[in-house]
Amino acid sequence: MRSLLNNMKKFILKTSIIFLFSLLFFRLTVISLVNEYENKINNLTSSAYLIELKKEIIKDISNSNKKENILYPEDAQLLSIFIRKILTELKIN
């Protein structure tokens, strides 16, 4: 009887230790990753980031307007085909 009780105590102790280490491992890996991605999403949607992104886009548009050709020839051809297809579909409907 005493050895059974002693074995049960060891089992409970080992199980508790494994559970605590598993919980700690989970906390350090999965929860940390979730928090990191949550912070990245919050930073991307913050108003300061959006204002900075808007300024950068406006600056790039201004620089592009100063150039003679904005698009590469391959891009221009691709967009031309795409726009023609859209116009054709709009005339049908």
N, C-alpha and C. Protein backbone atom coordinates (compact mmCIF):
# COMPACT_ATOMS: atom_id res chain seq x y z
N MET A 1 0.83 -1.18 0.00
CA MET A 1 0.00 0.00 0.00
C MET A 1 0.88 1.25 0.00
N ARG A 2 1.93 1.20 0.81
CA ARG A 2 2.82 2.36 0.92
C ARG A 2 3.55 2.62 -0.41
N SER A 3 3.96 1.56 -1.07
CA SER A 3 4.67 1.74 -2.34
C SER A 3 3.73 2.29 -3.42
N LEU A 4 2.48 1.87 -3.38
CA LEU A 4 1.50 2.38 -4.33
C LEU A 4 1.29 3.88 -4.11
N LEU A 5 1.19 4.28 -2.87
CA LEU A 5 1.03 5.69 -2.53
C LEU A 5 2.26 6.48 -2.95
N ASN A 6 3.42 5.90 -2.72
CA ASN A 6 4.67 6.55 -3.09
C ASN A 6 4.77 6.69 -4.62
N ASN A 7 4.36 5.65 -5.34
CA ASN A 7 4.37 5.70 -6.80
C ASN A 7 3.38 6.73 -7.33
N MET A 8 2.24 6.84 -6.69
CA MET A 8 1.24 7.84 -7.10
C MET A 8 1.77 9.26 -6.90
N LYS A 9 2.47 9.48 -5.79
CA LYS A 9 3.06 10.80 -5.53
C LYS A 9 4.08 11.14 -6.61
N LYS A 10 4.92 10.15 -6.96
CA LYS A 10 5.92 10.38 -8.00
C LYS A 10 5.24 10.68 -9.34
N PHE A 11 4.20 9.93 -9.64
CA PHE A 11 3.47 10.13 -10.89
C PHE A 11 2.86 11.53 -10.95
N ILE A 12 2.23 11.94 -9.87
CA ILE A 12 1.61 13.26 -9.82
C ILE A 12 2.67 14.35 -9.92
N LEU A 13 3.79 14.17 -9.26
CA LEU A 13 4.88 15.15 -9.32
C LEU A 13 5.44 15.25 -10.72
N LYS A 14 5.71 14.11 -11.35
CA LYS A 14 6.24 14.11 -12.71
C LYS A 14 5.23 14.72 -13.69
N THR A 15 3.98 14.37 -13.54
CA THR A 15 2.94 14.91 -14.42
C THR A 15 2.83 16.42 -14.24
N SER A 16 2.91 16.89 -13.02
CA SER A 16 2.84 18.33 -12.75
C SER A 16 4.02 19.06 -13.37
N ILE A 17 5.20 18.49 -13.24
CA ILE A 17 6.39 19.12 -13.81
C ILE A 17 6.29 19.17 -15.33
N ILE A 18 5.87 18.08 -15.94
CA ILE A 18 5.71 18.05 -17.40
C ILE A 18 4.65 19.05 -17.85
N PHE A 19 3.56 19.14 -17.13
CA PHE A 19 2.51 20.09 -17.45
C PHE A 19 3.02 21.53 -17.36
N LEU A 20 3.75 21.85 -16.31
CA LEU A 20 4.28 23.21 -16.15
C LEU A 20 5.27 23.56 -17.24
N PHE A 21 6.16 22.62 -17.58
CA PHE A 21 7.10 22.88 -18.66
C PHE A 21 6.39 23.01 -20.00
N SER A 22 5.36 22.23 -20.22
CA SER A 22 4.59 22.34 -21.46
C SER A 22 3.89 23.70 -21.53
N LEU A 23 3.32 24.10 -20.43
CA LEU A 23 2.66 25.40 -20.37
C LEU A 23 3.65 26.53 -20.61
N LEU A 24 4.81 26.45 -20.00
CA LEU A 24 5.85 27.46 -20.18
C LEU A 24 6.33 27.47 -21.64
N PHE A 25 6.54 26.30 -22.21
CA PHE A 25 6.96 26.21 -23.60
C PHE A 25 5.92 26.84 -24.52
N PHE A 26 4.67 26.53 -24.30
CA PHE A 26 3.58 27.11 -25.08
C PHE A 26 3.56 28.62 -24.96
N ARG A 27 3.72 29.10 -23.75
CA ARG A 27 3.71 30.56 -23.50
C ARG A 27 4.86 31.25 -24.22
N LEU A 28 6.02 30.64 -24.19
CA LEU A 28 7.19 31.28 -24.79
C LEU A 28 7.20 31.20 -26.31
N THR A 29 6.53 30.24 -26.88
CA THR A 29 6.55 30.11 -28.34
C THR A 29 5.29 30.65 -28.98
N VAL A 30 4.21 29.99 -28.81
CA VAL A 30 2.98 30.33 -29.54
C VAL A 30 2.44 31.69 -29.12
N ILE A 31 2.32 31.92 -27.84
CA ILE A 31 1.76 33.20 -27.38
C ILE A 31 2.66 34.36 -27.77
N SER A 32 3.97 34.17 -27.72
CA SER A 32 4.90 35.22 -28.12
C SER A 32 4.74 35.54 -29.60
N LEU A 33 4.59 34.52 -30.43
CA LEU A 33 4.39 34.75 -31.86
C LEU A 33 3.08 35.49 -32.13
N VAL A 34 2.04 35.10 -31.44
CA VAL A 34 0.75 35.76 -31.61
C VAL A 34 0.86 37.23 -31.20
N ASN A 35 1.51 37.50 -30.09
CA ASN A 35 1.68 38.89 -29.64
C ASN A 35 2.52 39.69 -30.63
N GLU A 36 3.55 39.08 -31.18
CA GLU A 36 4.41 39.76 -32.15
C GLU A 36 3.62 40.15 -33.39
N TYR A 37 2.83 39.22 -33.92
CA TYR A 37 2.03 39.52 -35.10
C TYR A 37 0.91 40.51 -34.80
N GLU A 38 0.37 40.45 -33.62
CA GLU A 38 -0.65 41.43 -33.23
C GLU A 38 -0.06 42.84 -33.19
N ASN A 39 1.15 42.96 -32.66
CA ASN A 39 1.82 44.26 -32.64
C ASN A 39 2.12 44.75 -34.05
N LYS A 40 2.54 43.85 -34.94
CA LYS A 40 2.81 44.25 -36.32
C LYS A 40 1.54 44.76 -36.99
N ILE A 41 0.43 44.08 -36.78
CA ILE A 41 -0.84 44.50 -37.38
C ILE A 41 -1.26 45.85 -36.81
N ASN A 42 -1.10 46.04 -35.52
CA ASN A 42 -1.44 47.33 -34.92
C ASN A 42 -0.57 48.45 -35.48
N ASN A 43 0.71 48.17 -35.69
CA ASN A 43 1.60 49.19 -36.26
C ASN A 43 1.22 49.52 -37.69
N LEU A 44 0.81 48.50 -38.47
CA LEU A 44 0.44 48.74 -39.86
C LEU A 44 -0.85 49.54 -39.98
N THR A 45 -1.73 49.40 -39.02
CA THR A 45 -3.00 50.11 -39.10
C THR A 45 -3.02 51.40 -38.28
N SER A 46 -1.90 51.76 -37.70
CA SER A 46 -1.87 52.98 -36.91
C SER A 46 -1.96 54.20 -37.83
N SER A 47 -2.52 55.27 -37.32
CA SER A 47 -2.71 56.47 -38.14
C SER A 47 -1.37 57.09 -38.52
N ALA A 48 -0.38 57.01 -37.66
CA ALA A 48 0.93 57.58 -37.98
C ALA A 48 1.56 56.84 -39.16
N TYR A 49 1.43 55.52 -39.18
CA TYR A 49 1.97 54.74 -40.29
C TYR A 49 1.23 55.06 -41.58
N LEU A 50 -0.09 55.18 -41.51
CA LEU A 50 -0.87 55.48 -42.71
C LEU A 50 -0.55 56.86 -43.26
N ILE A 51 -0.33 57.82 -42.38
CA ILE A 51 0.05 59.17 -42.82
C ILE A 51 1.41 59.14 -43.50
N GLU A 52 2.35 58.40 -42.92
CA GLU A 52 3.69 58.27 -43.51
C GLU A 52 3.62 57.56 -44.86
N LEU A 53 2.79 56.54 -44.95
CA LEU A 53 2.63 55.82 -46.21
C LEU A 53 2.02 56.73 -47.28
N LYS A 54 1.05 57.54 -46.89
CA LYS A 54 0.42 58.48 -47.83
C LYS A 54 1.45 59.49 -48.34
N LYS A 55 2.28 60.01 -47.45
CA LYS A 55 3.33 60.96 -47.86
C LYS A 55 4.30 60.31 -48.84
N GLU A 56 4.65 59.06 -48.57
CA GLU A 56 5.59 58.35 -49.44
C GLU A 56 4.98 58.10 -50.81
N ILE A 57 3.71 57.75 -50.86
CA ILE A 57 3.03 57.52 -52.14
C ILE A 57 2.95 58.82 -52.94
N ILE A 58 2.60 59.91 -52.28
CA ILE A 58 2.52 61.20 -52.97
C ILE A 58 3.88 61.61 -53.50
N LYS A 59 4.93 61.38 -52.72
CA LYS A 59 6.29 61.70 -53.17
C LYS A 59 6.66 60.87 -54.39
N ASP A 60 6.33 59.58 -54.38
CA ASP A 60 6.63 58.73 -55.52
C ASP A 60 5.85 59.15 -56.76
N ILE A 61 4.60 59.54 -56.58
CA ILE A 61 3.80 60.00 -57.72
C ILE A 61 4.39 61.28 -58.29
N SER A 62 4.81 62.18 -57.41
CA SER A 62 5.42 63.43 -57.87
C SER A 62 6.70 63.16 -58.66
N ASN A 63 7.52 62.24 -58.15
CA ASN A 63 8.75 61.90 -58.87
C ASN A 63 8.45 61.24 -60.21
N SER A 64 7.42 60.41 -60.27
CA SER A 64 7.05 59.75 -61.52
C SER A 64 6.53 60.75 -62.54
N ASN A 65 5.82 61.77 -62.08
CA ASN A 65 5.27 62.78 -62.99
C ASN A 65 6.38 63.61 -63.64
N LYS A 66 7.53 63.66 -63.03
CA LYS A 66 8.65 64.42 -63.58
C LYS A 66 9.36 63.65 -64.69
N LYS A 67 9.16 62.34 -64.73
CA LYS A 67 9.81 61.51 -65.74
C LYS A 67 9.05 61.59 -67.05
N GLU A 68 9.76 61.29 -68.15
CA GLU A 68 9.11 61.28 -69.46
C GLU A 68 8.19 60.08 -69.59
N ASN A 69 8.67 58.91 -69.21
CA ASN A 69 7.88 57.68 -69.25
C ASN A 69 7.74 57.15 -67.83
N ILE A 70 6.51 56.94 -67.43
CA ILE A 70 6.24 56.44 -66.08
C ILE A 70 6.37 54.92 -66.04
N LEU A 71 5.86 54.26 -67.07
CA LEU A 71 5.83 52.81 -67.10
C LEU A 71 6.93 52.23 -67.98
N TYR A 72 7.30 51.03 -67.67
CA TYR A 72 8.17 50.28 -68.57
C TYR A 72 7.32 49.85 -69.76
N PRO A 73 7.94 49.66 -70.93
CA PRO A 73 7.14 49.30 -72.12
C PRO A 73 6.30 48.03 -71.93
N GLU A 74 6.85 47.02 -71.26
CA GLU A 74 6.09 45.78 -71.03
C GLU A 74 4.87 46.05 -70.14
N ASP A 75 5.07 46.87 -69.10
CA ASP A 75 3.95 47.21 -68.21
C ASP A 75 2.89 48.01 -68.94
N ALA A 76 3.34 48.94 -69.79
CA ALA A 76 2.39 49.76 -70.55
C ALA A 76 1.55 48.90 -71.48
N GLN A 77 2.19 47.93 -72.13
CA GLN A 77 1.45 47.04 -73.04
C GLN A 77 0.45 46.19 -72.26
N LEU A 78 0.87 45.67 -71.13
CA LEU A 78 -0.01 44.84 -70.30
C LEU A 78 -1.22 45.65 -69.82
N LEU A 79 -0.99 46.85 -69.34
CA LEU A 79 -2.09 47.70 -68.88
C LEU A 79 -3.01 48.10 -70.04
N SER A 80 -2.43 48.34 -71.20
CA SER A 80 -3.24 48.70 -72.36
C SER A 80 -4.20 47.58 -72.73
N ILE A 81 -3.71 46.36 -72.76
CA ILE A 81 -4.57 45.21 -73.05
C ILE A 81 -5.66 45.07 -72.00
N PHE A 82 -5.29 45.23 -70.75
CA PHE A 82 -6.24 45.10 -69.65
C PHE A 82 -7.33 46.16 -69.75
N ILE A 83 -6.95 47.40 -70.00
CA ILE A 83 -7.93 48.50 -70.09
C ILE A 83 -8.84 48.30 -71.29
N ARG A 84 -8.27 47.84 -72.43
CA ARG A 84 -9.12 47.57 -73.60
C ARG A 84 -10.16 46.49 -73.29
N LYS A 85 -9.76 45.46 -72.57
CA LYS A 85 -10.70 44.40 -72.21
C LYS A 85 -11.80 44.93 -71.30
N ILE A 86 -11.44 45.76 -70.36
CA ILE A 86 -12.45 46.36 -69.45
C ILE A 86 -13.41 47.23 -70.25
N LEU A 87 -12.88 48.05 -71.15
CA LEU A 87 -13.76 48.91 -71.96
C LEU A 87 -14.69 48.09 -72.83
N THR A 88 -14.17 46.97 -73.38
CA THR A 88 -15.01 46.10 -74.20
C THR A 88 -16.15 45.52 -73.37
N GLU A 89 -15.85 45.07 -72.17
CA GLU A 89 -16.88 44.51 -71.29
C GLU A 89 -17.90 45.56 -70.89
N LEU A 90 -17.45 46.78 -70.67
CA LEU A 90 -18.38 47.84 -70.27
C LEU A 90 -19.33 48.20 -71.41
N LYS A 91 -18.87 48.13 -72.65
CA LYS A 91 -19.73 48.43 -73.79
C LYS A 91 -20.79 47.34 -73.98
N ILE A 92 -20.46 46.08 -73.63
CA ILE A 92 -21.40 44.98 -73.78
C ILE A 92 -22.55 45.12 -72.78
N ASN A 93 -22.20 45.42 -71.56
CA ASN A 93 -23.21 45.52 -70.51
C ASN A 93 -23.91 46.83 -70.67
